[in-house]
Amino acid sequence: DWSMFLITSYEDAEKYIGRRADKN
């Protein structure tokens, strides 16, 4: 039940994290 917030310029971040962000 954690939340995660990350700032990055890496375009494929969501792809490799394995889940689309709730907000971007």
PDB file of all heavy atoms in Angstrom:
ATOM      1  N   ASP A   1       0.811  -1.228   0.000  1.00  0.00           N
ATOM      2  CA  ASP A   1       0.000   0.000   0.000  1.00  0.00           C
ATOM      3  C   ASP A   1       0.845   1.280   0.000  1.00  0.00           C
ATOM      4  O   ASP A   1       0.432   2.304   0.541  1.00  0.00           O
ATOM      5  CB  ASP A   1      -0.968   0.016   1.191  1.00  0.00           C
ATOM      6  CG  ASP A   1      -1.986  -1.111   1.105  1.00  0.00           C
ATOM      7  OD1 ASP A   1      -2.357  -1.472  -0.024  1.00  0.00           O
ATOM      8  OD2 ASP A   1      -2.404  -1.627   2.155  1.00  0.00           O
ATOM      9  N   TRP A   2       2.018   1.235  -0.603  1.00  0.00           N
ATOM     10  CA  TRP A   2       2.864   2.425  -0.692  1.00  0.00           C
ATOM     11  C   TRP A   2       2.495   3.256  -1.923  1.00  0.00           C
ATOM     12  O   TRP A   2       1.896   2.768  -2.875  1.00  0.00           O
ATOM     13  CB  TRP A   2       4.337   2.023  -0.770  1.00  0.00           C
ATOM     14  CG  TRP A   2       4.959   1.729   0.569  1.00  0.00           C
ATOM     15  CD1 TRP A   2       4.450   0.939   1.561  1.00  0.00           C
ATOM     16  CD2 TRP A   2       6.208   2.211   1.052  1.00  0.00           C
ATOM     17  NE1 TRP A   2       5.302   0.893   2.632  1.00  0.00           N
ATOM     18  CE2 TRP A   2       6.397   1.671   2.351  1.00  0.00           C
ATOM     19  CE3 TRP A   2       7.189   3.042   0.528  1.00  0.00           C
ATOM     20  CZ2 TRP A   2       7.525   1.940   3.112  1.00  0.00           C
ATOM     21  CZ3 TRP A   2       8.331   3.307   1.288  1.00  0.00           C
ATOM     22  CH2 TRP A   2       8.480   2.766   2.569  1.00  0.00           C
ATOM     23  N   SER A   3       2.894   4.522  -1.878  1.00  0.00           N
ATOM     24  CA  SER A   3       2.795   5.412  -3.029  1.00  0.00           C
ATOM     25  C   SER A   3       4.211   5.685  -3.532  1.00  0.00           C
ATOM     26  O   SER A   3       5.163   5.681  -2.745  1.00  0.00           O
ATOM     27  CB  SER A   3       2.122   6.727  -2.641  1.00  0.00           C
ATOM     28  OG  SER A   3       0.807   6.515  -2.176  1.00  0.00           O
ATOM     29  N   MET A   4       4.351   5.931  -4.842  1.00  0.00           N
ATOM     30  CA  MET A   4       5.678   6.216  -5.393  1.00  0.00           C
ATOM     31  C   MET A   4       5.584   7.400  -6.347  1.00  0.00           C
ATOM     32  O   MET A   4       4.707   7.473  -7.198  1.00  0.00           O
ATOM     33  CB  MET A   4       6.232   5.004  -6.135  1.00  0.00           C
ATOM     34  CG  MET A   4       7.614   5.260  -6.757  1.00  0.00           C
ATOM     35  SD  MET A   4       8.439   3.761  -7.351  1.00  0.00           S
ATOM     36  CE  MET A   4       7.430   3.349  -8.786  1.00  0.00           C
ATOM     37  N   PHE A   5       6.521   8.318  -6.174  1.00  0.00           N
ATOM     38  CA  PHE A   5       6.595   9.519  -7.003  1.00  0.00           C
ATOM     39  C   PHE A   5       8.028   9.660  -7.487  1.00  0.00           C
ATOM     40  O   PHE A   5       8.951   9.732  -6.668  1.00  0.00           O
ATOM     41  CB  PHE A   5       6.195  10.756  -6.192  1.00  0.00           C
ATOM     42  CG  PHE A   5       4.801  10.682  -5.627  1.00  0.00           C
ATOM     43  CD1 PHE A   5       4.550  10.007  -4.454  1.00  0.00           C
ATOM     44  CD2 PHE A   5       3.738  11.279  -6.296  1.00  0.00           C
ATOM     45  CE1 PHE A   5       3.260   9.919  -3.933  1.00  0.00           C
ATOM     46  CE2 PHE A   5       2.454  11.204  -5.799  1.00  0.00           C
ATOM     47  CZ  PHE A   5       2.206  10.515  -4.611  1.00  0.00           C
ATOM     48  N   LEU A   6       8.212   9.669  -8.794  1.00  0.00           N
ATOM     49  CA  LEU A   6       9.588   9.829  -9.295  1.00  0.00           C
ATOM     50  C   LEU A   6       9.634  10.776 -10.472  1.00  0.00           C
ATOM     51  O   LEU A   6       8.753  10.799 -11.319  1.00  0.00           O
ATOM     52  CB  LEU A   6      10.227   8.484  -9.629  1.00  0.00           C
ATOM     53  CG  LEU A   6       9.553   7.488 -10.546  1.00  0.00           C
ATOM     54  CD1 LEU A   6       9.992   7.748 -11.977  1.00  0.00           C
ATOM     55  CD2 LEU A   6       9.945   6.072 -10.155  1.00  0.00           C
ATOM     56  N   ILE A   7      10.686  11.589 -10.484  1.00  0.00           N
ATOM     57  CA  ILE A   7      10.916  12.516 -11.600  1.00  0.00           C
ATOM     58  C   ILE A   7      12.066  11.974 -12.435  1.00  0.00           C
ATOM     59  O   ILE A   7      13.133  11.623 -11.914  1.00  0.00           O
ATOM     60  CB  ILE A   7      11.213  13.958 -11.110  1.00  0.00           C
ATOM     61  CG1 ILE A   7      11.450  14.880 -12.320  1.00  0.00           C
ATOM     62  CG2 ILE A   7      12.355  14.015 -10.098  1.00  0.00           C
ATOM     63  CD1 ILE A   7      11.560  16.363 -11.967  1.00  0.00           C
ATOM     64  N   THR A   8      11.823  11.875 -13.739  1.00  0.00           N
ATOM     65  CA  THR A   8      12.850  11.352 -14.638  1.00  0.00           C
ATOM     66  C   THR A   8      12.571  11.824 -16.055  1.00  0.00           C
ATOM     67  O   THR A   8      11.428  12.088 -16.416  1.00  0.00           O
ATOM     68  CB  THR A   8      12.885   9.808 -14.600  1.00  0.00           C
ATOM     69  OG1 THR A   8      13.874   9.342 -15.528  1.00  0.00           O
ATOM     70  CG2 THR A   8      11.542   9.196 -14.960  1.00  0.00           C
ATOM     71  N   SER A   9      13.616  11.921 -16.854  1.00  0.00           N
ATOM     72  CA  SER A   9      13.433  12.244 -18.272  1.00  0.00           C
ATOM     73  C   SER A   9      13.446  10.970 -19.121  1.00  0.00           C
ATOM     74  O   SER A   9      13.344  11.036 -20.340  1.00  0.00           O
ATOM     75  CB  SER A   9      14.545  13.188 -18.749  1.00  0.00           C
ATOM     76  OG  SER A   9      15.795  12.523 -18.731  1.00  0.00           O
ATOM     77  N   TYR A  10      13.563   9.814 -18.462  1.00  0.00           N
ATOM     78  CA  TYR A  10      13.612   8.541 -19.185  1.00  0.00           C
ATOM     79  C   TYR A  10      12.229   8.206 -19.725  1.00  0.00           C
ATOM     80  O   TYR A  10      11.286   7.970 -18.970  1.00  0.00           O
ATOM     81  CB  TYR A  10      14.123   7.442 -18.246  1.00  0.00           C
ATOM     82  CG  TYR A  10      14.296   6.089 -18.900  1.00  0.00           C
ATOM     83  CD1 TYR A  10      14.900   5.962 -20.146  1.00  0.00           C
ATOM     84  CD2 TYR A  10      13.862   4.928 -18.247  1.00  0.00           C
ATOM     85  CE1 TYR A  10      15.064   4.723 -20.749  1.00  0.00           C
ATOM     86  CE2 TYR A  10      14.033   3.672 -18.830  1.00  0.00           C
ATOM     87  CZ  TYR A  10      14.634   3.583 -20.076  1.00  0.00           C
ATOM     88  OH  TYR A  10      14.800   2.352 -20.673  1.00  0.00           O
ATOM     89  N   GLU A  11      12.093   8.198 -21.048  1.00  0.00           N
ATOM     90  CA  GLU A  11      10.787   8.061 -21.694  1.00  0.00           C
ATOM     91  C   GLU A  11      10.141   6.690 -21.454  1.00  0.00           C
ATOM     92  O   GLU A  11       8.924   6.557 -21.498  1.00  0.00           O
ATOM     93  CB  GLU A  11      10.934   8.296 -23.208  1.00  0.00           C
ATOM     94  CG  GLU A  11      11.470   9.667 -23.586  1.00  0.00           C
ATOM     95  CD  GLU A  11      10.386  10.737 -23.628  1.00  0.00           C
ATOM     96  OE1 GLU A  11       9.209  10.388 -23.459  1.00  0.00           O
ATOM     97  OE2 GLU A  11      10.730  11.917 -23.826  1.00  0.00           O
ATOM     98  N   ASP A  12      10.957   5.664 -21.216  1.00  0.00           N
ATOM     99  CA  ASP A  12      10.421   4.298 -21.052  1.00  0.00           C
ATOM    100  C   ASP A  12      10.265   3.900 -19.588  1.00  0.00           C
ATOM    101  O   ASP A  12      10.163   2.707 -19.280  1.00  0.00           O
ATOM    102  CB  ASP A  12      11.333   3.284 -21.767  1.00  0.00           C
ATOM    103  CG  ASP A  12      11.270   3.423 -23.282  1.00  0.00           C
ATOM    104  OD1 ASP A  12      10.196   3.809 -23.781  1.00  0.00           O
ATOM    105  OD2 ASP A  12      12.279   3.149 -23.947  1.00  0.00           O
ATOM    106  N   ALA A  13      10.236   4.864 -18.698  1.00  0.00           N
ATOM    107  CA  ALA A  13      10.162   4.554 -17.268  1.00  0.00           C
ATOM    108  C   ALA A  13       8.965   3.664 -16.930  1.00  0.00           C
ATOM    109  O   ALA A  13       9.107   2.622 -16.279  1.00  0.00           O
ATOM    110  CB  ALA A  13      10.105   5.846 -16.454  1.00  0.00           C
ATOM    111  N   GLU A  14       7.770   4.048 -17.390  1.00  0.00           N
ATOM    112  CA  GLU A  14       6.565   3.268 -17.058  1.00  0.00           C
ATOM    113  C   GLU A  14       6.654   1.847 -17.628  1.00  0.00           C
ATOM    114  O   GLU A  14       6.233   0.885 -16.974  1.00  0.00           O
ATOM    115  CB  GLU A  14       5.326   3.966 -17.610  1.00  0.00           C
ATOM    116  CG  GLU A  14       4.946   5.243 -16.887  1.00  0.00           C
ATOM    117  CD  GLU A  14       3.801   5.967 -17.583  1.00  0.00           C
ATOM    118  OE1 GLU A  14       3.970   6.337 -18.756  1.00  0.00           O
ATOM    119  OE2 GLU A  14       2.758   6.151 -16.947  1.00  0.00           O
ATOM    120  N   LYS A  15       7.189   1.732 -18.832  1.00  0.00           N
ATOM    121  CA  LYS A  15       7.288   0.417 -19.494  1.00  0.00           C
ATOM    122  C   LYS A  15       8.060  -0.571 -18.623  1.00  0.00           C
ATOM    123  O   LYS A  15       7.625  -1.714 -18.418  1.00  0.00           O
ATOM    124  CB  LYS A  15       7.965   0.590 -20.851  1.00  0.00           C
ATOM    125  CG  LYS A  15       8.268  -0.706 -21.584  1.00  0.00           C
ATOM    126  CD  LYS A  15       9.008  -0.422 -22.889  1.00  0.00           C
ATOM    127  CE  LYS A  15       9.484  -1.698 -23.561  1.00  0.00           C
ATOM    128  NZ  LYS A  15      10.262  -1.410 -24.796  1.00  0.00           N
ATOM    129  N   TYR A  16       9.207  -0.115 -18.095  1.00  0.00           N
ATOM    130  CA  TYR A  16      10.047  -1.046 -17.339  1.00  0.00           C
ATOM    131  C   TYR A  16       9.648  -1.143 -15.865  1.00  0.00           C
ATOM    132  O   TYR A  16       9.892  -2.157 -15.220  1.00  0.00           O
ATOM    133  CB  TYR A  16      11.523  -0.673 -17.499  1.00  0.00           C
ATOM    134  CG  TYR A  16      12.001  -0.936 -18.912  1.00  0.00           C
ATOM    135  CD1 TYR A  16      12.249   0.110 -19.796  1.00  0.00           C
ATOM    136  CD2 TYR A  16      12.145  -2.234 -19.386  1.00  0.00           C
ATOM    137  CE1 TYR A  16      12.649  -0.128 -21.109  1.00  0.00           C
ATOM    138  CE2 TYR A  16      12.539  -2.492 -20.687  1.00  0.00           C
ATOM    139  CZ  TYR A  16      12.786  -1.440 -21.545  1.00  0.00           C
ATOM    140  OH  TYR A  16      13.167  -1.692 -22.836  1.00  0.00           O
ATOM    141  N   ILE A  17       9.018  -0.105 -15.344  1.00  0.00           N
ATOM    142  CA  ILE A  17       8.453  -0.218 -13.990  1.00  0.00           C
ATOM    143  C   ILE A  17       7.340  -1.265 -13.998  1.00  0.00           C
ATOM    144  O   ILE A  17       7.117  -1.959 -13.013  1.00  0.00           O
ATOM    145  CB  ILE A  17       7.931   1.158 -13.508  1.00  0.00           C
ATOM    146  CG1 ILE A  17       9.128   2.067 -13.139  1.00  0.00           C
ATOM    147  CG2 ILE A  17       6.997   1.019 -12.296  1.00  0.00           C
ATOM    148  CD1 ILE A  17       8.756   3.511 -12.872  1.00  0.00           C
ATOM    149  N   GLY A  18       6.669  -1.403 -15.154  1.00  0.00           N
ATOM    150  CA  GLY A  18       5.667  -2.449 -15.311  1.00  0.00           C
ATOM    151  C   GLY A  18       4.256  -2.014 -14.978  1.00  0.00           C
ATOM    152  O   GLY A  18       3.368  -2.851 -14.832  1.00  0.00           O
ATOM    153  N   ARG A  19       4.049  -0.721 -14.896  1.00  0.00           N
ATOM    154  CA  ARG A  19       2.707  -0.210 -14.595  1.00  0.00           C
ATOM    155  C   ARG A  19       2.624   1.250 -15.009  1.00  0.00           C
ATOM    156  O   ARG A  19       3.567   2.012 -14.796  1.00  0.00           O
ATOM    157  CB  ARG A  19       2.440  -0.354 -13.090  1.00  0.00           C
ATOM    158  CG  ARG A  19       1.118   0.242 -12.637  1.00  0.00           C
ATOM    159  CD  ARG A  19       0.934   0.136 -11.136  1.00  0.00           C
ATOM    160  NE  ARG A  19       0.112   1.231 -10.630  1.00  0.00           N
ATOM    161  CZ  ARG A  19      -0.060   1.512  -9.342  1.00  0.00           C
ATOM    162  NH1 ARG A  19       0.538   0.772  -8.434  1.00  0.00           N
ATOM    163  NH2 ARG A  19      -0.806   2.529  -8.972  1.00  0.00           N
ATOM    164  N   ARG A  20       1.511   1.606 -15.602  1.00  0.00           N
ATOM    165  CA  ARG A  20       1.307   3.010 -15.941  1.00  0.00           C
ATOM    166  C   ARG A  20       1.078   3.818 -14.673  1.00  0.00           C
ATOM    167  O   ARG A  20       0.423   3.361 -13.738  1.00  0.00           O
ATOM    168  CB  ARG A  20       0.107   3.179 -16.874  1.00  0.00           C
ATOM    169  CG  ARG A  20       0.379   2.722 -18.297  1.00  0.00           C
ATOM    170  CD  ARG A  20      -0.758   3.102 -19.229  1.00  0.00           C
ATOM    171  NE  ARG A  20      -0.841   4.552 -19.398  1.00  0.00           N
ATOM    172  CZ  ARG A  20      -0.103   5.238 -20.257  1.00  0.00           C
ATOM    173  NH1 ARG A  20       0.805   4.633 -20.997  1.00  0.00           N
ATOM    174  NH2 ARG A  20      -0.256   6.553 -20.365  1.00  0.00           N
ATOM    175  N   ALA A  21       1.612   5.019 -14.648  1.00  0.00           N
ATOM    176  CA  ALA A  21       1.413   5.887 -13.484  1.00  0.00           C
ATOM    177  C   ALA A  21      -0.043   6.340 -13.417  1.00  0.00           C
ATOM    178  O   ALA A  21      -0.715   6.475 -14.446  1.00  0.00           O
ATOM    179  CB  ALA A  21       2.336   7.101 -13.578  1.00  0.00           C
ATOM    180  N   ASP A  22      -0.525   6.567 -12.209  1.00  0.00           N
ATOM    181  CA  ASP A  22      -1.887   7.082 -12.034  1.00  0.00           C
ATOM    182  C   ASP A  22      -1.982   8.520 -12.537  1.00  0.00           C
ATOM    183  O   ASP A  22      -3.012   8.943 -13.056  1.00  0.00           O
ATOM    184  CB  ASP A  22      -2.288   7.009 -10.555  1.00  0.00           C
ATOM    185  CG  ASP A  22      -2.316   5.574 -10.056  1.00  0.00           C
ATOM    186  OD1 ASP A  22      -3.050   4.762 -10.647  1.00  0.00           O
ATOM    187  OD2 ASP A  22      -1.591   5.263  -9.093  1.00  0.00           O
ATOM    188  N   LYS A  23      -0.895   9.266 -12.343  1.00  0.00           N
ATOM    189  CA  LYS A  23      -0.816  10.631 -12.858  1.00  0.00           C
ATOM    190  C   LYS A  23       0.579  10.833 -13.416  1.00  0.00           C
ATOM    191  O   LYS A  23       1.544  10.229 -12.947  1.00  0.00           O
ATOM    192  CB  LYS A  23      -1.078  11.657 -11.751  1.00  0.00           C
ATOM    193  CG  LYS A  23      -2.507  11.703 -11.239  1.00  0.00           C
ATOM    194  CD  LYS A  23      -2.648  12.801 -10.190  1.00  0.00           C
ATOM    195  CE  LYS A  23      -4.051  12.842  -9.617  1.00  0.00           C
ATOM    196  NZ  LYS A  23      -4.156  13.866  -8.545  1.00  0.00           N
ATOM    197  N   ASN A  24       0.679  11.717 -14.398  1.00  0.00           N
ATOM    198  CA  ASN A  24       1.971  11.995 -15.017  1.00  0.00           C
ATOM    199  C   ASN A  24       2.000  13.471 -15.380  1.00  0.00           C
ATOM    200  O   ASN A  24       1.179  13.933 -16.159  1.00  0.00           O
ATOM    201  CB  ASN A  24       2.146  11.121 -16.258  1.00  0.00           C
ATOM    202  CG  ASN A  24       3.429  11.402 -16.995  1.00  0.00           C
ATOM    203  OD1 ASN A  24       4.307  12.108 -16.494  1.00  0.00           O
ATOM    204  ND2 ASN A  24       3.557  10.867 -18.189  1.00  0.00           N
TER     205      ASN A  24
END
